[in-house]
Amino acid sequence: MGAIDNFQALINKSGGLARAARYEVVLTPPAGSALANSAKTREVQLLCDTITMPGHDLQSAPYKYGTSVATQMVTGHAYEGTIEATFYLDQELDVKSYFDAWQEAAVDTENNTVNYYKNASGDNNYAGTMEIYQLGSKSSTQTRFQFNSDTGFSQNKKTHAEAKRTYGIQVQDVYPTTIGSIEYAYATVDTVALLSVSFSYRKWKEIENTETGNTRKRTGELIGIITEKLPGNGVLQRRTGFQK
């Protein structure tokens, strides 16, 4: 029973488990494109049905000391894959037109000419940013006062949950590389049409302050350092993380 109690206490302390259906996507199209101040951006991000939060991996290579067994040593890092998303389509397919225009900012499909990465003002022509947030729930209580001629004043308290950003990443240099096809069929009369979009990106950073969008690196007290003796007189030290 102790393990179950500890598990329940941990979940209660963290405010519950993360729900895959509670998320938010914020798109910022490239500043040098015609979409920079488009009112459609807000509508498009609200119509996001599914999205994948990108991962991160470490690259390694075998390293061997004399006759010892080879060890996989970290040589670098990379950001994993592309960002896959689907969007609900409105009847006029404005969502599709939006991403078509974003791709046109990179390549003119009429003349097949490729645009420069940045314009003369230093603004990106086709690479924007994207923010992906995990949402939690924050309970709030609203109190209303009512007056009745027979009973006098009374209080009516109502508690409801509000969406709160609990974690987020800022994805940099984002642009739609692939806009999927749309399939039609008479048998899907009650099916809502979806558009799949694959985004390419350069890197992502964790948003430290989800209220201000600050992406500073995590700071705090170092949890510990592991020291490993290497053959000869070598010493390898690696950090195990930070604690806020």
C-alpha atoms as a PDB file:
ATOM      1  CA  MET A   1       0.000   0.000   0.000  1.00  0.00           C
ATOM      2  CA  GLY A   2       2.926   2.321   0.598  1.00  0.00           C
ATOM      3  CA  ALA A   3       3.895   2.408  -3.081  1.00  0.00           C
ATOM      4  CA  ILE A   4       0.306   3.175  -4.117  1.00  0.00           C
ATOM      5  CA  ASP A   5       0.035   5.963  -1.543  1.00  0.00           C
ATOM      6  CA  ASN A   6       3.342   7.444  -2.722  1.00  0.00           C
ATOM      7  CA  PHE A   7       2.171   7.261  -6.327  1.00  0.00           C
ATOM      8  CA  GLN A   8      -1.105   8.993  -5.520  1.00  0.00           C
ATOM      9  CA  ALA A   9       0.718  11.659  -3.504  1.00  0.00           C
ATOM     10  CA  LEU A  10       3.093  12.287  -6.400  1.00  0.00           C
ATOM     11  CA  ILE A  11       0.217  12.677  -8.873  1.00  0.00           C
ATOM     12  CA  ASN A  12      -1.657  15.018  -6.532  1.00  0.00           C
ATOM     13  CA  LYS A  13       1.475  17.081  -5.923  1.00  0.00           C
ATOM     14  CA  SER A  14       2.024  17.595  -9.667  1.00  0.00           C
ATOM     15  CA  GLY A  15      -1.635  18.455 -10.252  1.00  0.00           C
ATOM     16  CA  GLY A  16      -2.398  15.297 -12.234  1.00  0.00           C
ATOM     17  CA  LEU A  17      -1.014  13.572 -15.304  1.00  0.00           C
ATOM     18  CA  ALA A  18      -0.499  15.209 -18.697  1.00  0.00           C
ATOM     19  CA  ARG A  19      -3.410  14.748 -21.101  1.00  0.00           C
ATOM     20  CA  ALA A  20      -2.675  14.282 -24.798  1.00  0.00           C
ATOM     21  CA  ALA A  21      -5.850  16.172 -25.703  1.00  0.00           C
ATOM     22  CA  ARG A  22      -4.814  19.319 -23.809  1.00  0.00           C
ATOM     23  CA  TYR A  23      -2.399  21.285 -25.957  1.00  0.00           C
ATOM     24  CA  GLU A  24      -2.005  24.605 -27.725  1.00  0.00           C
ATOM     25  CA  VAL A  25      -0.202  25.548 -30.932  1.00  0.00           C
ATOM     26  CA  VAL A  26       0.968  29.085 -31.713  1.00  0.00           C
ATOM     27  CA  LEU A  27       2.173  29.846 -35.238  1.00  0.00           C
ATOM     28  CA  THR A  28       4.316  32.839 -36.168  1.00  0.00           C
ATOM     29  CA  PRO A  29       4.726  33.010 -39.962  1.00  0.00           C
ATOM     30  CA  PRO A  30       7.905  34.509 -41.444  1.00  0.00           C
ATOM     31  CA  ALA A  31       8.214  38.253 -40.942  1.00  0.00           C
ATOM     32  CA  GLY A  32       9.331  38.793 -44.534  1.00  0.00           C
ATOM     33  CA  SER A  33       6.290  37.118 -46.108  1.00  0.00           C
ATOM     34  CA  ALA A  34       2.769  38.284 -46.912  1.00  0.00           C
ATOM     35  CA  LEU A  35       1.487  36.109 -44.046  1.00  0.00           C
ATOM     36  CA  ALA A  36       3.326  38.119 -41.384  1.00  0.00           C
ATOM     37  CA  ASN A  37       0.258  40.081 -40.278  1.00  0.00           C
ATOM     38  CA  SER A  38      -2.420  37.732 -41.565  1.00  0.00           C
ATOM     39  CA  ALA A  39      -5.557  37.484 -39.439  1.00  0.00           C
ATOM     40  CA  LYS A  40      -5.888  33.874 -40.655  1.00  0.00           C
ATOM     41  CA  THR A  41      -2.990  32.723 -38.473  1.00  0.00           C
ATOM     42  CA  ARG A  42      -5.130  32.722 -35.330  1.00  0.00           C
ATOM     43  CA  GLU A  43      -7.873  30.754 -37.094  1.00  0.00           C
ATOM     44  CA  VAL A  44      -5.458  28.203 -38.553  1.00  0.00           C
ATOM     45  CA  GLN A  45      -3.780  27.370 -35.237  1.00  0.00           C
ATOM     46  CA  LEU A  46      -7.186  26.924 -33.579  1.00  0.00           C
ATOM     47  CA  LEU A  47      -8.058  24.339 -36.251  1.00  0.00           C
ATOM     48  CA  CYS A  48      -5.034  22.166 -35.423  1.00  0.00           C
ATOM     49  CA  ASP A  49      -6.418  18.670 -34.774  1.00  0.00           C
ATOM     50  CA  THR A  50      -3.190  16.758 -34.037  1.00  0.00           C
ATOM     51  CA  ILE A  51       0.478  17.637 -33.733  1.00  0.00           C
ATOM     52  CA  THR A  52       3.690  15.946 -32.601  1.00  0.00           C
ATOM     53  CA  MET A  53       6.054  17.625 -30.184  1.00  0.00           C
ATOM     54  CA  PRO A  54       9.534  16.995 -31.672  1.00  0.00           C
ATOM     55  CA  GLY A  55      12.163  15.006 -29.830  1.00  0.00           C
ATOM     56  CA  HIS A  56      15.915  15.207 -29.381  1.00  0.00           C
ATOM     57  CA  ASP A  57      18.661  12.623 -29.625  1.00  0.00           C
ATOM     58  CA  LEU A  58      22.353  12.252 -28.940  1.00  0.00           C
ATOM     59  CA  GLN A  59      24.767  11.103 -31.636  1.00  0.00           C
ATOM     60  CA  SER A  60      27.561   8.759 -30.625  1.00  0.00           C
ATOM     61  CA  ALA A  61      30.568   6.930 -32.025  1.00  0.00           C
ATOM     62  CA  PRO A  62      32.543   3.939 -30.693  1.00  0.00           C
ATOM     63  CA  TYR A  63      35.662   4.843 -28.726  1.00  0.00           C
ATOM     64  CA  LYS A  64      38.150   2.229 -27.622  1.00  0.00           C
ATOM     65  CA  TYR A  65      41.068   2.371 -25.167  1.00  0.00           C
ATOM     66  CA  GLY A  66      43.692  -0.247 -25.957  1.00  0.00           C
ATOM     67  CA  THR A  67      42.210  -3.740 -25.687  1.00  0.00           C
ATOM     68  CA  SER A  68      39.164  -2.685 -23.638  1.00  0.00           C
ATOM     69  CA  VAL A  69      35.612  -3.048 -24.876  1.00  0.00           C
ATOM     70  CA  ALA A  70      34.544  -0.180 -27.110  1.00  0.00           C
ATOM     71  CA  THR A  71      32.352   2.480 -25.489  1.00  0.00           C
ATOM     72  CA  GLN A  72      29.761   4.573 -27.254  1.00  0.00           C
ATOM     73  CA  MET A  73      30.832   8.171 -26.607  1.00  0.00           C
ATOM     74  CA  VAL A  74      28.579  11.140 -27.345  1.00  0.00           C
ATOM     75  CA  THR A  75      29.864  13.187 -30.275  1.00  0.00           C
ATOM     76  CA  GLY A  76      26.981  15.593 -30.785  1.00  0.00           C
ATOM     77  CA  HIS A  77      23.237  15.998 -30.809  1.00  0.00           C
ATOM     78  CA  ALA A  78      20.402  16.420 -33.283  1.00  0.00           C
ATOM     79  CA  TYR A  79      16.748  17.354 -33.336  1.00  0.00           C
ATOM     80  CA  GLU A  80      14.575  14.436 -34.267  1.00  0.00           C
ATOM     81  CA  GLY A  81      12.516  14.248 -37.447  1.00  0.00           C
ATOM     82  CA  THR A  82       9.859  16.607 -38.699  1.00  0.00           C
ATOM     83  CA  ILE A  83       6.748  17.967 -37.028  1.00  0.00           C
ATOM     84  CA  GLU A  84       3.619  16.216 -38.275  1.00  0.00           C
ATOM     85  CA  ALA A  85       0.276  17.978 -37.881  1.00  0.00           C
ATOM     86  CA  THR A  86      -3.291  17.751 -39.160  1.00  0.00           C
ATOM     87  CA  PHE A  87      -5.781  20.596 -39.473  1.00  0.00           C
ATOM     88  CA  TYR A  88      -9.549  20.693 -39.811  1.00  0.00           C
ATOM     89  CA  LEU A  89     -10.573  22.100 -43.189  1.00  0.00           C
ATOM     90  CA  ASP A  90     -13.209  24.777 -43.594  1.00  0.00           C
ATOM     91  CA  GLN A  91     -15.547  24.684 -46.584  1.00  0.00           C
ATOM     92  CA  GLU A  92     -13.538  27.251 -48.568  1.00  0.00           C
ATOM     93  CA  LEU A  93     -10.237  25.480 -47.770  1.00  0.00           C
ATOM     94  CA  ASP A  94      -8.716  28.682 -46.382  1.00  0.00           C
ATOM     95  CA  VAL A  95      -6.402  26.547 -44.239  1.00  0.00           C
ATOM     96  CA  LYS A  96      -4.968  24.884 -47.337  1.00  0.00           C
ATOM     97  CA  SER A  97      -4.594  28.252 -49.075  1.00  0.00           C
ATOM     98  CA  TYR A  98      -2.735  29.551 -46.011  1.00  0.00           C
ATOM     99  CA  PHE A  99      -0.077  26.840 -46.138  1.00  0.00           C
ATOM    100  CA  ASP A 100       0.090  27.038 -49.936  1.00  0.00           C
ATOM    101  CA  ALA A 101       0.965  30.720 -49.581  1.00  0.00           C
ATOM    102  CA  TRP A 102       3.600  29.861 -46.954  1.00  0.00           C
ATOM    103  CA  GLN A 103       5.259  27.460 -49.399  1.00  0.00           C
ATOM    104  CA  GLU A 104       5.033  30.057 -52.170  1.00  0.00           C
ATOM    105  CA  ALA A 105       7.150  32.333 -49.971  1.00  0.00           C
ATOM    106  CA  ALA A 106       9.959  29.797 -50.368  1.00  0.00           C
ATOM    107  CA  VAL A 107       9.513  28.752 -54.000  1.00  0.00           C
ATOM    108  CA  ASP A 108       7.574  30.456 -56.776  1.00  0.00           C
ATOM    109  CA  THR A 109       5.760  27.505 -58.358  1.00  0.00           C
ATOM    110  CA  GLU A 110       5.047  29.478 -61.554  1.00  0.00           C
ATOM    111  CA  ASN A 111       8.648  30.398 -62.337  1.00  0.00           C
ATOM    112  CA  ASN A 112      10.291  27.721 -60.164  1.00  0.00           C
ATOM    113  CA  THR A 113      12.525  30.318 -58.539  1.00  0.00           C
ATOM    114  CA  VAL A 114      13.780  29.822 -54.980  1.00  0.00           C
ATOM    115  CA  ASN A 115      13.568  32.760 -52.594  1.00  0.00           C
ATOM    116  CA  TYR A 116      16.482  33.880 -50.435  1.00  0.00           C
ATOM    117  CA  TYR A 117      16.443  32.772 -46.800  1.00  0.00           C
ATOM    118  CA  LYS A 118      16.296  36.379 -45.603  1.00  0.00           C
ATOM    119  CA  ASN A 119      15.398  39.653 -47.288  1.00  0.00           C
ATOM    120  CA  ALA A 120      17.350  42.924 -47.329  1.00  0.00           C
ATOM    121  CA  SER A 121      15.854  43.930 -43.967  1.00  0.00           C
ATOM    122  CA  GLY A 122      17.083  40.748 -42.306  1.00  0.00           C
ATOM    123  CA  ASP A 123      13.625  39.199 -41.949  1.00  0.00           C
ATOM    124  CA  ASN A 124      13.065  35.546 -42.823  1.00  0.00           C
ATOM    125  CA  ASN A 125      11.282  35.090 -46.119  1.00  0.00           C
ATOM    126  CA  TYR A 126       9.872  31.631 -45.473  1.00  0.00           C
ATOM    127  CA  ALA A 127      11.025  30.343 -42.058  1.00  0.00           C
ATOM    128  CA  GLY A 128       8.904  31.244 -39.050  1.00  0.00           C
ATOM    129  CA  THR A 129       8.499  29.925 -35.511  1.00  0.00           C
ATOM    130  CA  MET A 130       6.076  27.618 -33.732  1.00  0.00           C
ATOM    131  CA  GLU A 131       5.233  27.197 -30.067  1.00  0.00           C
ATOM    132  CA  ILE A 132       3.741  23.964 -28.730  1.00  0.00           C
ATOM    133  CA  TYR A 133       2.330  23.945 -25.204  1.00  0.00           C
ATOM    134  CA  GLN A 134       1.171  21.227 -22.836  1.00  0.00           C
ATOM    135  CA  LEU A 135      -1.918  22.478 -21.040  1.00  0.00           C
ATOM    136  CA  GLY A 136      -2.988  21.679 -17.520  1.00  0.00           C
ATOM    137  CA  SER A 137      -6.073  22.686 -15.608  1.00  0.00           C
ATOM    138  CA  LYS A 138      -6.235  25.366 -12.946  1.00  0.00           C
ATOM    139  CA  SER A 139      -9.298  25.459 -10.745  1.00  0.00           C
ATOM    140  CA  SER A 140     -10.872  28.819 -10.010  1.00  0.00           C
ATOM    141  CA  THR A 141     -13.915  29.706  -7.948  1.00  0.00           C
ATOM    142  CA  GLN A 142     -16.413  32.357  -8.950  1.00  0.00           C
ATOM    143  CA  THR A 143     -18.716  33.776  -6.294  1.00  0.00           C
ATOM    144  CA  ARG A 144     -22.049  35.369  -7.150  1.00  0.00           C
ATOM    145  CA  PHE A 145     -24.297  37.188  -4.694  1.00  0.00           C
ATOM    146  CA  GLN A 146     -28.045  36.835  -5.065  1.00  0.00           C
ATOM    147  CA  PHE A 147     -30.832  38.632  -3.245  1.00  0.00           C
ATOM    148  CA  ASN A 148     -34.158  37.086  -2.374  1.00  0.00           C
ATOM    149  CA  SER A 149     -36.886  39.100  -0.694  1.00  0.00           C
ATOM    150  CA  ASP A 150     -37.685  36.166   1.579  1.00  0.00           C
ATOM    151  CA  THR A 151     -34.239  34.828   2.459  1.00  0.00           C
ATOM    152  CA  GLY A 152     -32.075  37.895   1.897  1.00  0.00           C
ATOM    153  CA  PHE A 153     -28.581  37.737   0.385  1.00  0.00           C
ATOM    154  CA  SER A 154     -27.043  34.384  -0.545  1.00  0.00           C
ATOM    155  CA  GLN A 155     -23.755  33.271  -2.085  1.00  0.00           C
ATOM    156  CA  ASN A 156     -23.459  30.968  -5.054  1.00  0.00           C
ATOM    157  CA  LYS A 157     -19.964  29.569  -5.568  1.00  0.00           C
ATOM    158  CA  LYS A 158     -19.068  27.800  -8.794  1.00  0.00           C
ATOM    159  CA  THR A 159     -15.717  26.108  -9.421  1.00  0.00           C
ATOM    160  CA  HIS A 160     -14.494  25.558 -12.973  1.00  0.00           C
ATOM    161  CA  ALA A 161     -11.220  24.531 -14.597  1.00  0.00           C
ATOM    162  CA  GLU A 162      -9.185  26.927 -16.729  1.00  0.00           C
ATOM    163  CA  ALA A 163      -6.536  25.882 -19.244  1.00  0.00           C
ATOM    164  CA  LYS A 164      -3.028  26.737 -18.082  1.00  0.00           C
ATOM    165  CA  ARG A 165       0.245  26.373 -19.953  1.00  0.00           C
ATOM    166  CA  THR A 166       2.445  24.035 -17.913  1.00  0.00           C
ATOM    167  CA  TYR A 167       5.246  23.299 -20.418  1.00  0.00           C
ATOM    168  CA  GLY A 168       6.194  24.578 -23.836  1.00  0.00           C
ATOM    169  CA  ILE A 169       8.822  24.581 -26.559  1.00  0.00           C
ATOM    170  CA  GLN A 170       9.692  27.191 -29.160  1.00  0.00           C
ATOM    171  CA  VAL A 171      10.545  25.666 -32.527  1.00  0.00           C
ATOM    172  CA  GLN A 172      12.780  27.839 -34.673  1.00  0.00           C
ATOM    173  CA  ASP A 173      13.059  28.200 -38.449  1.00  0.00           C
ATOM    174  CA  VAL A 174       9.812  26.378 -39.201  1.00  0.00           C
ATOM    175  CA  TYR A 175       8.222  26.047 -42.635  1.00  0.00           C
ATOM    176  CA  PRO A 176       5.787  23.556 -44.230  1.00  0.00           C
ATOM    177  CA  THR A 177       7.725  21.150 -46.415  1.00  0.00           C
ATOM    178  CA  THR A 178       4.840  18.853 -47.369  1.00  0.00           C
ATOM    179  CA  ILE A 179       1.148  19.645 -47.699  1.00  0.00           C
ATOM    180  CA  GLY A 180      -0.794  16.412 -47.908  1.00  0.00           C
ATOM    181  CA  SER A 181      -3.475  15.463 -50.388  1.00  0.00           C
ATOM    182  CA  ILE A 182      -7.209  15.536 -49.634  1.00  0.00           C
ATOM    183  CA  GLU A 183      -9.230  12.395 -50.247  1.00  0.00           C
ATOM    184  CA  TYR A 184     -12.891  12.573 -51.239  1.00  0.00           C
ATOM    185  CA  ALA A 185     -15.485   9.778 -51.214  1.00  0.00           C
ATOM    186  CA  TYR A 186     -19.299   9.631 -51.252  1.00  0.00           C
ATOM    187  CA  ALA A 187     -19.247   7.133 -48.377  1.00  0.00           C
ATOM    188  CA  THR A 188     -17.681   9.716 -46.026  1.00  0.00           C
ATOM    189  CA  VAL A 189     -20.705  12.010 -45.914  1.00  0.00           C
ATOM    190  CA  ASP A 190     -20.358  12.660 -42.163  1.00  0.00           C
ATOM    191  CA  THR A 191     -16.551  12.800 -42.099  1.00  0.00           C
ATOM    192  CA  VAL A 192     -14.754  16.101 -41.535  1.00  0.00           C
ATOM    193  CA  ALA A 193     -11.958  16.724 -44.038  1.00  0.00           C
ATOM    194  CA  LEU A 194      -8.448  16.974 -42.598  1.00  0.00           C
ATOM    195  CA  LEU A 195      -5.235  18.359 -44.071  1.00  0.00           C
ATOM    196  CA  SER A 196      -1.886  16.839 -43.090  1.00  0.00           C
ATOM    197  CA  VAL A 197       1.143  19.145 -43.015  1.00  0.00           C
ATOM    198  CA  SER A 198       4.788  18.238 -42.369  1.00  0.00           C
ATOM    199  CA  PHE A 199       6.975  21.016 -40.970  1.00  0.00           C
ATOM    200  CA  SER A 200      10.738  21.202 -41.205  1.00  0.00           C
ATOM    201  CA  TYR A 201      12.678  23.057 -38.521  1.00  0.00           C
ATOM    202  CA  ARG A 202      16.219  23.786 -37.367  1.00  0.00           C
ATOM    203  CA  LYS A 203      16.072  23.474 -33.582  1.00  0.00           C
ATOM    204  CA  TRP A 204      13.815  23.911 -30.571  1.00  0.00           C
ATOM    205  CA  LYS A 205      14.220  25.366 -27.096  1.00  0.00           C
ATOM    206  CA  GLU A 206      12.293  24.788 -23.916  1.00  0.00           C
ATOM    207  CA  ILE A 207      10.200  27.763 -22.833  1.00  0.00           C
ATOM    208  CA  GLU A 208      11.195  28.389 -19.236  1.00  0.00           C
ATOM    209  CA  ASN A 209       8.402  30.858 -18.524  1.00  0.00           C
ATOM    210  CA  THR A 210       5.211  29.776 -20.284  1.00  0.00           C
ATOM    211  CA  GLU A 211       3.541  33.098 -19.432  1.00  0.00           C
ATOM    212  CA  THR A 212       6.170  35.340 -21.056  1.00  0.00           C
ATOM    213  CA  GLY A 213       7.615  32.895 -23.608  1.00  0.00           C
ATOM    214  CA  ASN A 214      11.144  33.232 -22.181  1.00  0.00           C
ATOM    215  CA  THR A 215      13.482  30.549 -23.589  1.00  0.00           C
ATOM    216  CA  ARG A 216      16.459  31.012 -21.262  1.00  0.00           C
ATOM    217  CA  LYS A 217      18.481  27.921 -20.500  1.00  0.00           C
ATOM    218  CA  ARG A 218      17.548  26.090 -17.306  1.00  0.00           C
ATOM    219  CA  THR A 219      19.533  27.359 -14.320  1.00  0.00           C
ATOM    220  CA  GLY A 220      19.691  26.385 -10.694  1.00  0.00           C
ATOM    221  CA  GLU A 221      21.612  24.159  -8.346  1.00  0.00           C
ATOM    222  CA  LEU A 222      23.678  21.399  -9.898  1.00  0.00           C
ATOM    223  CA  ILE A 223      22.378  18.048  -8.696  1.00  0.00           C
ATOM    224  CA  GLY A 224      25.692  16.241  -8.967  1.00  0.00           C
ATOM    225  CA  ILE A 225      28.801  15.345 -10.948  1.00  0.00           C
ATOM    226  CA  ILE A 226      29.775  11.790 -11.798  1.00  0.00           C
ATOM    227  CA  THR A 227      33.532  11.224 -12.045  1.00  0.00           C
ATOM    228  CA  GLU A 228      34.813   8.319 -14.113  1.00  0.00           C
ATOM    229  CA  LYS A 229      38.469   7.280 -14.249  1.00  0.00           C
ATOM    230  CA  LEU A 230      39.809   6.515 -17.701  1.00  0.00           C
ATOM    231  CA  PRO A 231      42.817   4.364 -18.592  1.00  0.00           C
ATOM    232  CA  GLY A 232      46.040   6.191 -17.834  1.00  0.00           C
ATOM    233  CA  ASN A 233      45.607   9.436 -15.940  1.00  0.00           C
ATOM    234  CA  GLY A 234      42.437  10.574 -17.651  1.00  0.00           C
ATOM    235  CA  VAL A 235      39.343  11.632 -15.744  1.00  0.00           C
ATOM    236  CA  LEU A 236      35.890  12.115 -17.246  1.00  0.00           C
ATOM    237  CA  GLN A 237      33.332  14.240 -15.406  1.00  0.00           C
ATOM    238  CA  ARG A 238      29.726  14.606 -16.492  1.00  0.00           C
ATOM    239  CA  ARG A 239      26.876  16.572 -15.009  1.00  0.00           C
ATOM    240  CA  THR A 240      23.697  14.789 -13.991  1.00  0.00           C
ATOM    241  CA  GLY A 241      21.343  17.776 -14.278  1.00  0.00           C
ATOM    242  CA  PHE A 242      20.096  20.906 -12.569  1.00  0.00           C
ATOM    243  CA  GLN A 243      17.562  21.418  -9.847  1.00  0.00           C
ATOM    244  CA  LYS A 244      15.576  24.636  -9.791  1.00  0.00           C
END
